[in-house]
Amino acid sequence: MKQFDLRKWSMADVEDVAHYANNEHIAANLRNIFPYPYTLEDAEAYVGSCVENIEEGQICRAIVVDGHAVGSIGIFCGSDVYEKSGELGYWLAEEYWGQGIMTEAVKRICREAFEKFDIVRIYAEPYAYNIGSRSVLEKAGFSLEGIMKKAVCKWGKLYDCCIYALLK
């Protein structure tokens, strides 16, 4: 596995994010809030929000390989009746897919979230067709809880969505 670090974001990461996130294959697997094309302004807004994050109810980390921010991972705690759950989200530059980086990053951030927050469950909702992301979650110890039929509309098409969870 390629060596990497998880660290807090810095405004110095903006150019890396603009470069690596501007990828249609990445955007196709994420919610519509992640744009394609991904511009420098998008990167400035995203990294700025991560830098300003005081980590109350969330953890956001840059995935850093060879000094470059090549991805992002975060856990966002729920509220109201979902206060004991956290949602996991992530993306990684395509050139680093399949190298074990994301599986290890998921394990690390989940350990940190379980230690830091009063949660008992971390979940993720990959699209059913995203075999790579589903494999990451399974290798990190998550269990498939179900498949939601035609649950998401991405770029005008309906897709099934999975729900995976890791319990404390």
N, C-alpha and C. Protein backbone atom coordinates (compact mmCIF):
# COMPACT_ATOMS: atom_id res chain seq x y z
N MET A 1 0.84 -1.19 0.00
CA MET A 1 0.00 0.00 0.00
C MET A 1 0.88 1.25 0.00
N LYS A 2 0.49 2.22 -0.79
CA LYS A 2 1.19 3.50 -0.85
C LYS A 2 1.05 4.21 0.50
N GLN A 3 2.12 4.82 0.96
CA GLN A 3 2.09 5.56 2.22
C GLN A 3 1.29 6.85 2.05
N PHE A 4 0.52 7.21 3.08
CA PHE A 4 -0.27 8.44 3.04
C PHE A 4 -0.48 8.93 4.46
N ASP A 5 -0.90 10.17 4.56
CA ASP A 5 -1.25 10.77 5.85
C ASP A 5 -2.68 11.29 5.78
N LEU A 6 -3.33 11.32 6.93
CA LEU A 6 -4.58 12.04 7.10
C LEU A 6 -4.24 13.24 7.97
N ARG A 7 -4.54 14.43 7.48
CA ARG A 7 -4.25 15.62 8.28
C ARG A 7 -5.32 16.68 8.08
N LYS A 8 -5.31 17.65 8.98
CA LYS A 8 -6.25 18.76 8.85
C LYS A 8 -5.93 19.53 7.57
N TRP A 9 -6.94 20.17 7.05
CA TRP A 9 -6.82 20.93 5.81
C TRP A 9 -6.07 22.24 6.01
N SER A 10 -5.45 22.70 4.95
CA SER A 10 -4.76 23.99 4.90
C SER A 10 -5.13 24.68 3.59
N MET A 11 -5.17 25.99 3.58
CA MET A 11 -5.47 26.71 2.34
C MET A 11 -4.41 26.41 1.27
N ALA A 12 -3.25 25.93 1.67
CA ALA A 12 -2.22 25.55 0.71
C ALA A 12 -2.65 24.33 -0.13
N ASP A 13 -3.73 23.66 0.27
CA ASP A 13 -4.21 22.47 -0.45
C ASP A 13 -5.13 22.81 -1.63
N VAL A 14 -5.49 24.06 -1.80
CA VAL A 14 -6.49 24.44 -2.80
C VAL A 14 -6.11 23.98 -4.21
N GLU A 15 -4.89 24.25 -4.64
CA GLU A 15 -4.50 23.89 -6.02
C GLU A 15 -4.53 22.37 -6.23
N ASP A 16 -4.09 21.61 -5.22
CA ASP A 16 -4.15 20.15 -5.33
C ASP A 16 -5.58 19.68 -5.49
N VAL A 17 -6.48 20.21 -4.68
CA VAL A 17 -7.87 19.80 -4.74
C VAL A 17 -8.47 20.16 -6.10
N ALA A 18 -8.20 21.37 -6.57
CA ALA A 18 -8.73 21.78 -7.88
C ALA A 18 -8.23 20.83 -8.97
N HIS A 19 -7.00 20.40 -8.87
CA HIS A 19 -6.42 19.49 -9.87
C HIS A 19 -7.01 18.08 -9.77
N TYR A 20 -6.94 17.48 -8.59
CA TYR A 20 -7.34 16.08 -8.44
C TYR A 20 -8.85 15.86 -8.45
N ALA A 21 -9.62 16.84 -7.96
CA ALA A 21 -11.08 16.67 -7.90
C ALA A 21 -11.76 16.91 -9.24
N ASN A 22 -11.07 17.52 -10.17
CA ASN A 22 -11.66 17.82 -11.47
C ASN A 22 -11.62 16.56 -12.35
N ASN A 23 -12.49 15.62 -12.01
CA ASN A 23 -12.48 14.32 -12.66
C ASN A 23 -13.92 13.80 -12.73
N GLU A 24 -14.39 13.57 -13.92
CA GLU A 24 -15.77 13.12 -14.11
C GLU A 24 -16.03 11.79 -13.42
N HIS A 25 -15.04 10.90 -13.37
CA HIS A 25 -15.23 9.59 -12.74
C HIS A 25 -15.42 9.72 -11.23
N ILE A 26 -14.79 10.70 -10.62
CA ILE A 26 -14.99 10.95 -9.19
C ILE A 26 -16.38 11.54 -8.97
N ALA A 27 -16.70 12.59 -9.72
CA ALA A 27 -17.99 13.27 -9.56
C ALA A 27 -19.16 12.32 -9.79
N ALA A 28 -19.00 11.36 -10.70
CA ALA A 28 -20.09 10.42 -11.01
C ALA A 28 -20.50 9.58 -9.81
N ASN A 29 -19.60 9.44 -8.84
CA ASN A 29 -19.86 8.59 -7.68
C ASN A 29 -20.25 9.37 -6.43
N LEU A 30 -20.38 10.69 -6.55
CA LEU A 30 -20.67 11.53 -5.39
C LEU A 30 -21.98 12.28 -5.57
N ARG A 31 -22.41 12.92 -4.51
CA ARG A 31 -23.63 13.72 -4.57
C ARG A 31 -23.42 14.93 -5.48
N ASN A 32 -24.51 15.52 -5.92
CA ASN A 32 -24.43 16.63 -6.87
C ASN A 32 -23.74 17.87 -6.30
N ILE A 33 -23.61 17.96 -4.99
CA ILE A 33 -22.91 19.10 -4.41
C ILE A 33 -21.44 19.11 -4.82
N PHE A 34 -20.92 17.95 -5.24
CA PHE A 34 -19.55 17.84 -5.74
C PHE A 34 -19.62 18.08 -7.25
N PRO A 35 -19.16 19.24 -7.71
CA PRO A 35 -19.38 19.60 -9.11
C PRO A 35 -18.40 18.95 -10.09
N TYR A 36 -18.83 18.93 -11.34
CA TYR A 36 -17.91 18.63 -12.44
C TYR A 36 -18.35 19.50 -13.61
N PRO A 37 -17.46 20.27 -14.21
CA PRO A 37 -16.05 20.40 -13.82
C PRO A 37 -15.89 21.02 -12.43
N TYR A 38 -14.76 20.70 -11.81
CA TYR A 38 -14.42 21.19 -10.47
C TYR A 38 -13.40 22.30 -10.64
N THR A 39 -13.76 23.52 -10.27
CA THR A 39 -12.93 24.70 -10.53
C THR A 39 -12.07 25.08 -9.33
N LEU A 40 -11.16 26.00 -9.56
CA LEU A 40 -10.34 26.55 -8.48
C LEU A 40 -11.24 27.20 -7.43
N GLU A 41 -12.30 27.86 -7.87
CA GLU A 41 -13.24 28.50 -6.93
C GLU A 41 -13.95 27.44 -6.08
N ASP A 42 -14.30 26.31 -6.70
CA ASP A 42 -14.90 25.21 -5.94
C ASP A 42 -13.93 24.72 -4.86
N ALA A 43 -12.67 24.56 -5.25
CA ALA A 43 -11.65 24.09 -4.31
C ALA A 43 -11.44 25.09 -3.19
N GLU A 44 -11.42 26.37 -3.51
CA GLU A 44 -11.25 27.40 -2.47
C GLU A 44 -12.40 27.36 -1.47
N ALA A 45 -13.61 27.21 -1.98
CA ALA A 45 -14.77 27.15 -1.09
C ALA A 45 -14.74 25.91 -0.21
N TYR A 46 -14.42 24.75 -0.81
CA TYR A 46 -14.41 23.51 -0.04
C TYR A 46 -13.29 23.52 1.01
N VAL A 47 -12.08 23.80 0.58
CA VAL A 47 -10.96 23.79 1.53
C VAL A 47 -11.17 24.85 2.61
N GLY A 48 -11.68 26.01 2.21
CA GLY A 48 -11.96 27.05 3.20
C GLY A 48 -12.95 26.59 4.26
N SER A 49 -13.99 25.87 3.84
CA SER A 49 -14.97 25.38 4.81
C SER A 49 -14.34 24.34 5.74
N CYS A 50 -13.42 23.53 5.21
CA CYS A 50 -12.74 22.53 6.04
C CYS A 50 -11.78 23.19 7.03
N VAL A 51 -11.08 24.22 6.58
CA VAL A 51 -10.14 24.94 7.46
C VAL A 51 -10.89 25.61 8.60
N GLU A 52 -12.05 26.18 8.29
CA GLU A 52 -12.85 26.88 9.30
C GLU A 52 -13.57 25.92 10.24
N ASN A 53 -13.66 24.64 9.89
CA ASN A 53 -14.36 23.64 10.68
C ASN A 53 -13.72 23.51 12.06
N ILE A 54 -14.52 23.72 13.10
CA ILE A 54 -13.99 23.59 14.46
C ILE A 54 -14.13 22.17 14.99
N GLU A 55 -14.55 21.26 14.13
CA GLU A 55 -14.67 19.84 14.46
C GLU A 55 -15.66 19.55 15.58
N GLU A 56 -16.68 20.36 15.66
CA GLU A 56 -17.78 20.05 16.57
C GLU A 56 -18.80 19.25 15.79
N GLY A 57 -18.86 17.97 16.03
CA GLY A 57 -19.80 17.10 15.33
C GLY A 57 -19.33 16.65 13.97
N GLN A 58 -18.09 16.93 13.63
CA GLN A 58 -17.56 16.44 12.36
C GLN A 58 -16.04 16.42 12.37
N ILE A 59 -15.51 15.55 11.54
CA ILE A 59 -14.06 15.46 11.32
C ILE A 59 -13.85 15.48 9.81
N CYS A 60 -13.04 16.39 9.32
CA CYS A 60 -12.70 16.45 7.89
C CYS A 60 -11.18 16.39 7.76
N ARG A 61 -10.69 15.49 6.93
CA ARG A 61 -9.25 15.33 6.77
C ARG A 61 -8.88 15.30 5.29
N ALA A 62 -7.70 15.83 5.01
CA ALA A 62 -7.10 15.69 3.69
C ALA A 62 -6.36 14.36 3.65
N ILE A 63 -6.44 13.68 2.53
CA ILE A 63 -5.65 12.47 2.29
C ILE A 63 -4.43 12.92 1.50
N VAL A 64 -3.25 12.77 2.10
CA VAL A 64 -2.03 13.35 1.54
C VAL A 64 -1.05 12.25 1.13
N VAL A 65 -0.65 12.29 -0.13
CA VAL A 65 0.34 11.37 -0.67
C VAL A 65 1.48 12.20 -1.26
N ASP A 66 2.69 11.91 -0.85
CA ASP A 66 3.87 12.63 -1.36
C ASP A 66 3.70 14.14 -1.27
N GLY A 67 3.12 14.60 -0.17
CA GLY A 67 2.97 16.04 0.07
C GLY A 67 1.80 16.70 -0.64
N HIS A 68 1.00 15.93 -1.38
CA HIS A 68 -0.13 16.50 -2.11
C HIS A 68 -1.46 16.00 -1.56
N ALA A 69 -2.42 16.91 -1.42
CA ALA A 69 -3.78 16.54 -1.00
C ALA A 69 -4.47 15.91 -2.20
N VAL A 70 -4.64 14.58 -2.15
CA VAL A 70 -5.19 13.83 -3.29
C VAL A 70 -6.58 13.29 -3.01
N GLY A 71 -7.16 13.67 -1.90
CA GLY A 71 -8.49 13.20 -1.57
C GLY A 71 -8.97 13.81 -0.27
N SER A 72 -10.19 13.43 0.08
CA SER A 72 -10.83 13.97 1.27
C SER A 72 -11.64 12.86 1.94
N ILE A 73 -11.70 12.92 3.26
CA ILE A 73 -12.52 11.98 4.01
C ILE A 73 -13.09 12.70 5.23
N GLY A 74 -14.33 12.39 5.55
CA GLY A 74 -14.95 13.04 6.70
C GLY A 74 -16.06 12.21 7.30
N ILE A 75 -16.33 12.49 8.56
CA ILE A 75 -17.47 11.89 9.26
C ILE A 75 -18.26 13.04 9.86
N PHE A 76 -19.57 12.98 9.64
CA PHE A 76 -20.46 14.06 10.03
C PHE A 76 -21.56 13.49 10.92
N CYS A 77 -21.56 13.90 12.18
CA CYS A 77 -22.50 13.37 13.16
C CYS A 77 -23.91 13.86 12.87
N GLY A 78 -24.87 12.98 13.15
CA GLY A 78 -26.26 13.31 12.95
C GLY A 78 -26.82 14.12 14.11
N SER A 79 -28.08 14.49 13.98
CA SER A 79 -28.75 15.26 15.03
C SER A 79 -30.14 14.66 15.24
N ASP A 80 -30.84 15.20 16.20
CA ASP A 80 -32.18 14.77 16.53
C ASP A 80 -32.15 13.26 16.81
N VAL A 81 -33.00 12.47 16.20
CA VAL A 81 -33.03 11.05 16.49
C VAL A 81 -31.82 10.30 15.92
N TYR A 82 -31.01 10.99 15.10
CA TYR A 82 -29.81 10.39 14.51
C TYR A 82 -28.53 10.80 15.24
N GLU A 83 -28.68 11.30 16.46
CA GLU A 83 -27.53 11.83 17.20
C GLU A 83 -26.46 10.80 17.53
N LYS A 84 -26.76 9.52 17.46
CA LYS A 84 -25.78 8.47 17.76
C LYS A 84 -25.15 7.89 16.50
N SER A 85 -25.42 8.52 15.35
CA SER A 85 -24.87 8.05 14.08
C SER A 85 -24.01 9.14 13.44
N GLY A 86 -23.06 8.69 12.64
CA GLY A 86 -22.25 9.60 11.83
C GLY A 86 -22.20 9.10 10.41
N GLU A 87 -22.25 10.03 9.45
CA GLU A 87 -22.17 9.67 8.04
C GLU A 87 -20.75 9.85 7.54
N LEU A 88 -20.26 8.84 6.84
CA LEU A 88 -18.93 8.84 6.26
C LEU A 88 -19.01 9.24 4.79
N GLY A 89 -18.11 10.13 4.39
CA GLY A 89 -18.02 10.51 2.97
C GLY A 89 -16.56 10.62 2.59
N TYR A 90 -16.25 10.34 1.32
CA TYR A 90 -14.85 10.40 0.89
C TYR A 90 -14.74 10.43 -0.62
N TRP A 91 -13.59 10.89 -1.09
CA TRP A 91 -13.21 10.76 -2.50
C TRP A 91 -11.68 10.70 -2.55
N LEU A 92 -11.18 10.13 -3.64
CA LEU A 92 -9.74 9.96 -3.82
C LEU A 92 -9.41 10.13 -5.30
N ALA A 93 -8.28 10.77 -5.57
CA ALA A 93 -7.83 10.94 -6.95
C ALA A 93 -7.78 9.58 -7.65
N GLU A 94 -8.25 9.54 -8.88
CA GLU A 94 -8.39 8.28 -9.60
C GLU A 94 -7.08 7.52 -9.72
N GLU A 95 -5.97 8.21 -9.84
CA GLU A 95 -4.69 7.51 -9.99
C GLU A 95 -4.28 6.72 -8.75
N TYR A 96 -4.98 6.93 -7.63
CA TYR A 96 -4.67 6.21 -6.39
C TYR A 96 -5.71 5.14 -6.06
N TRP A 97 -6.70 4.96 -6.92
CA TRP A 97 -7.71 3.92 -6.69
C TRP A 97 -7.05 2.54 -6.71
N GLY A 98 -7.58 1.64 -5.90
CA GLY A 98 -7.14 0.25 -5.92
C GLY A 98 -5.81 -0.02 -5.23
N GLN A 99 -5.32 0.94 -4.45
CA GLN A 99 -4.02 0.78 -3.79
C GLN A 99 -4.14 0.59 -2.28
N GLY A 100 -5.37 0.47 -1.77
CA GLY A 100 -5.56 0.25 -0.33
C GLY A 100 -5.57 1.51 0.51
N ILE A 101 -5.36 2.65 -0.12
CA ILE A 101 -5.30 3.91 0.62
C ILE A 101 -6.64 4.22 1.29
N MET A 102 -7.72 4.14 0.52
CA MET A 102 -9.01 4.54 1.08
C MET A 102 -9.48 3.57 2.16
N THR A 103 -9.24 2.29 1.98
CA THR A 103 -9.64 1.33 3.02
C THR A 103 -8.97 1.69 4.35
N GLU A 104 -7.68 1.95 4.31
CA GLU A 104 -6.95 2.31 5.54
C GLU A 104 -7.41 3.66 6.07
N ALA A 105 -7.67 4.62 5.19
CA ALA A 105 -8.15 5.94 5.62
C ALA A 105 -9.50 5.81 6.33
N VAL A 106 -10.38 4.96 5.80
CA VAL A 106 -11.69 4.74 6.42
C VAL A 106 -11.50 4.14 7.82
N LYS A 107 -10.63 3.15 7.95
CA LYS A 107 -10.39 2.55 9.26
C LYS A 107 -9.89 3.59 10.26
N ARG A 108 -8.94 4.42 9.83
CA ARG A 108 -8.36 5.43 10.73
C ARG A 108 -9.38 6.46 11.18
N ILE A 109 -10.15 6.99 10.24
CA ILE A 109 -11.09 8.06 10.61
C ILE A 109 -12.24 7.51 11.45
N CYS A 110 -12.64 6.27 11.19
CA CYS A 110 -13.70 5.67 12.02
C CYS A 110 -13.23 5.47 13.46
N ARG A 111 -11.98 5.01 13.63
CA ARG A 111 -11.44 4.88 14.99
C ARG A 111 -11.46 6.23 15.69
N GLU A 112 -11.00 7.27 14.99
CA GLU A 112 -10.96 8.61 15.57
C GLU A 112 -12.36 9.10 15.94
N ALA A 113 -13.32 8.87 15.05
CA ALA A 113 -14.69 9.33 15.32
C ALA A 113 -15.32 8.61 16.50
N PHE A 114 -15.11 7.31 16.60
CA PHE A 114 -15.66 6.57 17.73
C PHE A 114 -15.03 7.01 19.05
N GLU A 115 -13.77 7.40 19.02
CA GLU A 115 -13.11 7.89 20.23
C GLU A 115 -13.57 9.30 20.59
N LYS A 116 -13.77 10.14 19.60
CA LYS A 116 -14.04 11.56 19.83
C LYS A 116 -15.51 11.88 20.10
N PHE A 117 -16.41 11.16 19.43
CA PHE A 117 -17.83 11.48 19.51
C PHE A 117 -18.62 10.38 20.21
N ASP A 118 -19.75 10.75 20.79
CA ASP A 118 -20.64 9.81 21.46
C ASP A 118 -21.59 9.19 20.43
N ILE A 119 -20.98 8.45 19.48
CA ILE A 119 -21.76 7.77 18.45
C ILE A 119 -21.53 6.27 18.56
N VAL A 120 -22.48 5.51 18.04
CA VAL A 120 -22.36 4.05 18.07
C VAL A 120 -22.40 3.44 16.68
N ARG A 121 -22.62 4.30 15.66
CA ARG A 121 -22.80 3.81 14.30
C ARG A 121 -22.24 4.82 13.31
N ILE A 122 -21.50 4.31 12.33
CA ILE A 122 -21.04 5.12 11.21
C ILE A 122 -21.57 4.45 9.94
N TYR A 123 -22.18 5.25 9.08
CA TYR A 123 -22.76 4.67 7.87
C TYR A 123 -22.27 5.41 6.62
N ALA A 124 -22.40 4.74 5.50
CA ALA A 124 -22.07 5.31 4.19
C ALA A 124 -23.10 4.82 3.19
N GLU A 125 -23.32 5.60 2.14
CA GLU A 125 -24.34 5.28 1.15
C GLU A 125 -23.76 5.32 -0.27
N PRO A 126 -22.92 4.38 -0.63
CA PRO A 126 -22.41 4.36 -2.00
C PRO A 126 -23.49 3.94 -2.99
N TYR A 127 -23.36 4.41 -4.22
CA TYR A 127 -24.27 3.95 -5.27
C TYR A 127 -23.99 2.47 -5.49
N ALA A 128 -25.03 1.71 -5.79
CA ALA A 128 -24.88 0.26 -5.92
C ALA A 128 -23.87 -0.13 -6.99
N TYR A 129 -23.77 0.66 -8.05
CA TYR A 129 -22.83 0.34 -9.13
C TYR A 129 -21.37 0.63 -8.77
N ASN A 130 -21.14 1.34 -7.68
CA ASN A 130 -19.78 1.74 -7.31
C ASN A 130 -19.10 0.60 -6.53
N ILE A 131 -18.68 -0.40 -7.27
CA ILE A 131 -18.09 -1.61 -6.68
C ILE A 131 -16.81 -1.27 -5.90
N GLY A 132 -16.03 -0.32 -6.38
CA GLY A 132 -14.80 0.06 -5.68
C GLY A 132 -15.08 0.59 -4.29
N SER A 133 -16.04 1.49 -4.18
CA SER A 133 -16.37 2.07 -2.88
C SER A 133 -17.00 1.02 -1.96
N ARG A 134 -17.83 0.18 -2.51
CA ARG A 134 -18.44 -0.88 -1.71
C ARG A 134 -17.36 -1.82 -1.17
N SER A 135 -16.37 -2.12 -1.99
CA SER A 135 -15.26 -2.98 -1.56
C SER A 135 -14.45 -2.32 -0.45
N VAL A 136 -14.21 -1.01 -0.57
CA VAL A 136 -13.51 -0.27 0.48
C VAL A 136 -14.22 -0.45 1.81
N LEU A 137 -15.52 -0.23 1.80
CA LEU A 137 -16.30 -0.32 3.04
C LEU A 137 -16.28 -1.73 3.62
N GLU A 138 -16.44 -2.73 2.77
CA GLU A 138 -16.44 -4.11 3.24
C GLU A 138 -15.07 -4.48 3.83
N LYS A 139 -13.99 -4.08 3.18
CA LYS A 139 -12.65 -4.36 3.70
C LYS A 139 -12.37 -3.62 5.00
N ALA A 140 -13.06 -2.50 5.21
CA ALA A 140 -12.89 -1.72 6.44
C ALA A 140 -13.81 -2.21 7.56
N GLY A 141 -14.58 -3.27 7.31
CA GLY A 141 -15.40 -3.86 8.37
C GLY A 141 -16.86 -3.45 8.36
N PHE A 142 -17.30 -2.68 7.37
CA PHE A 142 -18.69 -2.28 7.28
C PHE A 142 -19.54 -3.44 6.76
N SER A 143 -20.79 -3.45 7.17
CA SER A 143 -21.74 -4.47 6.70
C SER A 143 -22.80 -3.82 5.83
N LEU A 144 -23.17 -4.52 4.76
CA LEU A 144 -24.25 -4.07 3.90
C LEU A 144 -25.57 -4.30 4.64
N GLU A 145 -26.30 -3.22 4.88
CA GLU A 145 -27.59 -3.32 5.57
C GLU A 145 -28.76 -3.39 4.61
N GLY A 146 -28.56 -2.88 3.41
CA GLY A 146 -29.66 -2.93 2.45
C GLY A 146 -29.35 -2.16 1.18
N ILE A 147 -30.21 -2.36 0.20
CA ILE A 147 -30.11 -1.63 -1.07
C ILE A 147 -31.43 -0.89 -1.26
N MET A 148 -31.32 0.40 -1.46
CA MET A 148 -32.49 1.24 -1.68
C MET A 148 -32.68 1.41 -3.19
N LYS A 149 -33.75 0.89 -3.71
CA LYS A 149 -34.02 0.88 -5.15
C LYS A 149 -34.36 2.29 -5.65
N LYS A 150 -33.70 2.66 -6.75
CA LYS A 150 -33.95 3.95 -7.42
C LYS A 150 -33.98 5.11 -6.41
N ALA A 151 -33.03 5.11 -5.50
CA ALA A 151 -33.02 6.08 -4.41
C ALA A 151 -32.32 7.39 -4.75
N VAL A 152 -31.47 7.38 -5.77
CA VAL A 152 -30.74 8.60 -6.11
C VAL A 152 -30.93 8.92 -7.59
N CYS A 153 -30.90 10.20 -7.87
CA CYS A 153 -30.97 10.68 -9.25
C CYS A 153 -29.68 11.44 -9.52
N LYS A 154 -28.82 10.83 -10.30
CA LYS A 154 -27.52 11.41 -10.62
C LYS A 154 -27.47 11.71 -12.10
N TRP A 155 -27.27 12.97 -12.43
CA TRP A 155 -27.17 13.40 -13.83
C TRP A 155 -28.35 12.91 -14.65
N GLY A 156 -29.55 13.00 -14.04
CA GLY A 156 -30.78 12.69 -14.75
C GLY A 156 -31.16 11.22 -14.81
N LYS A 157 -30.36 10.35 -14.17
CA LYS A 157 -30.67 8.92 -14.18
C LYS A 157 -30.89 8.43 -12.76
N LEU A 158 -31.81 7.48 -12.60
CA LEU A 158 -32.08 6.88 -11.29
C LEU A 158 -31.17 5.68 -11.06
N TYR A 159 -30.64 5.59 -9.84
CA TYR A 159 -29.75 4.49 -9.47
C TYR A 159 -30.12 3.95 -8.09
N ASP A 160 -29.78 2.69 -7.88
CA ASP A 160 -29.90 2.10 -6.56
C ASP A 160 -28.76 2.61 -5.69
N CYS A 161 -29.01 2.62 -4.40
CA CYS A 161 -28.04 3.10 -3.42
C CYS A 161 -27.96 2.07 -2.30
N CYS A 162 -26.76 1.86 -1.79
CA CYS A 162 -26.57 0.90 -0.70
C CYS A 162 -26.46 1.64 0.63
N ILE A 163 -26.75 0.96 1.70
CA ILE A 163 -26.49 1.48 3.03
C ILE A 163 -25.58 0.49 3.72
N TYR A 164 -24.40 0.98 4.08
CA TYR A 164 -23.40 0.20 4.82
C TYR A 164 -23.23 0.84 6.18
N ALA A 165 -22.93 0.03 7.20
CA ALA A 165 -22.71 0.59 8.54
C ALA A 165 -21.63 -0.20 9.27
N LEU A 166 -20.97 0.53 10.16
CA LEU A 166 -19.98 -0.03 11.08
C LEU A 166 -20.46 0.35 12.47
N LEU A 167 -20.61 -0.64 13.34
CA LEU A 167 -21.06 -0.38 14.71
C LEU A 167 -19.88 -0.40 15.66
N LYS A 168 -19.98 0.41 16.69
CA LYS A 168 -18.91 0.52 17.69
C LYS A 168 -18.79 -0.77 18.48
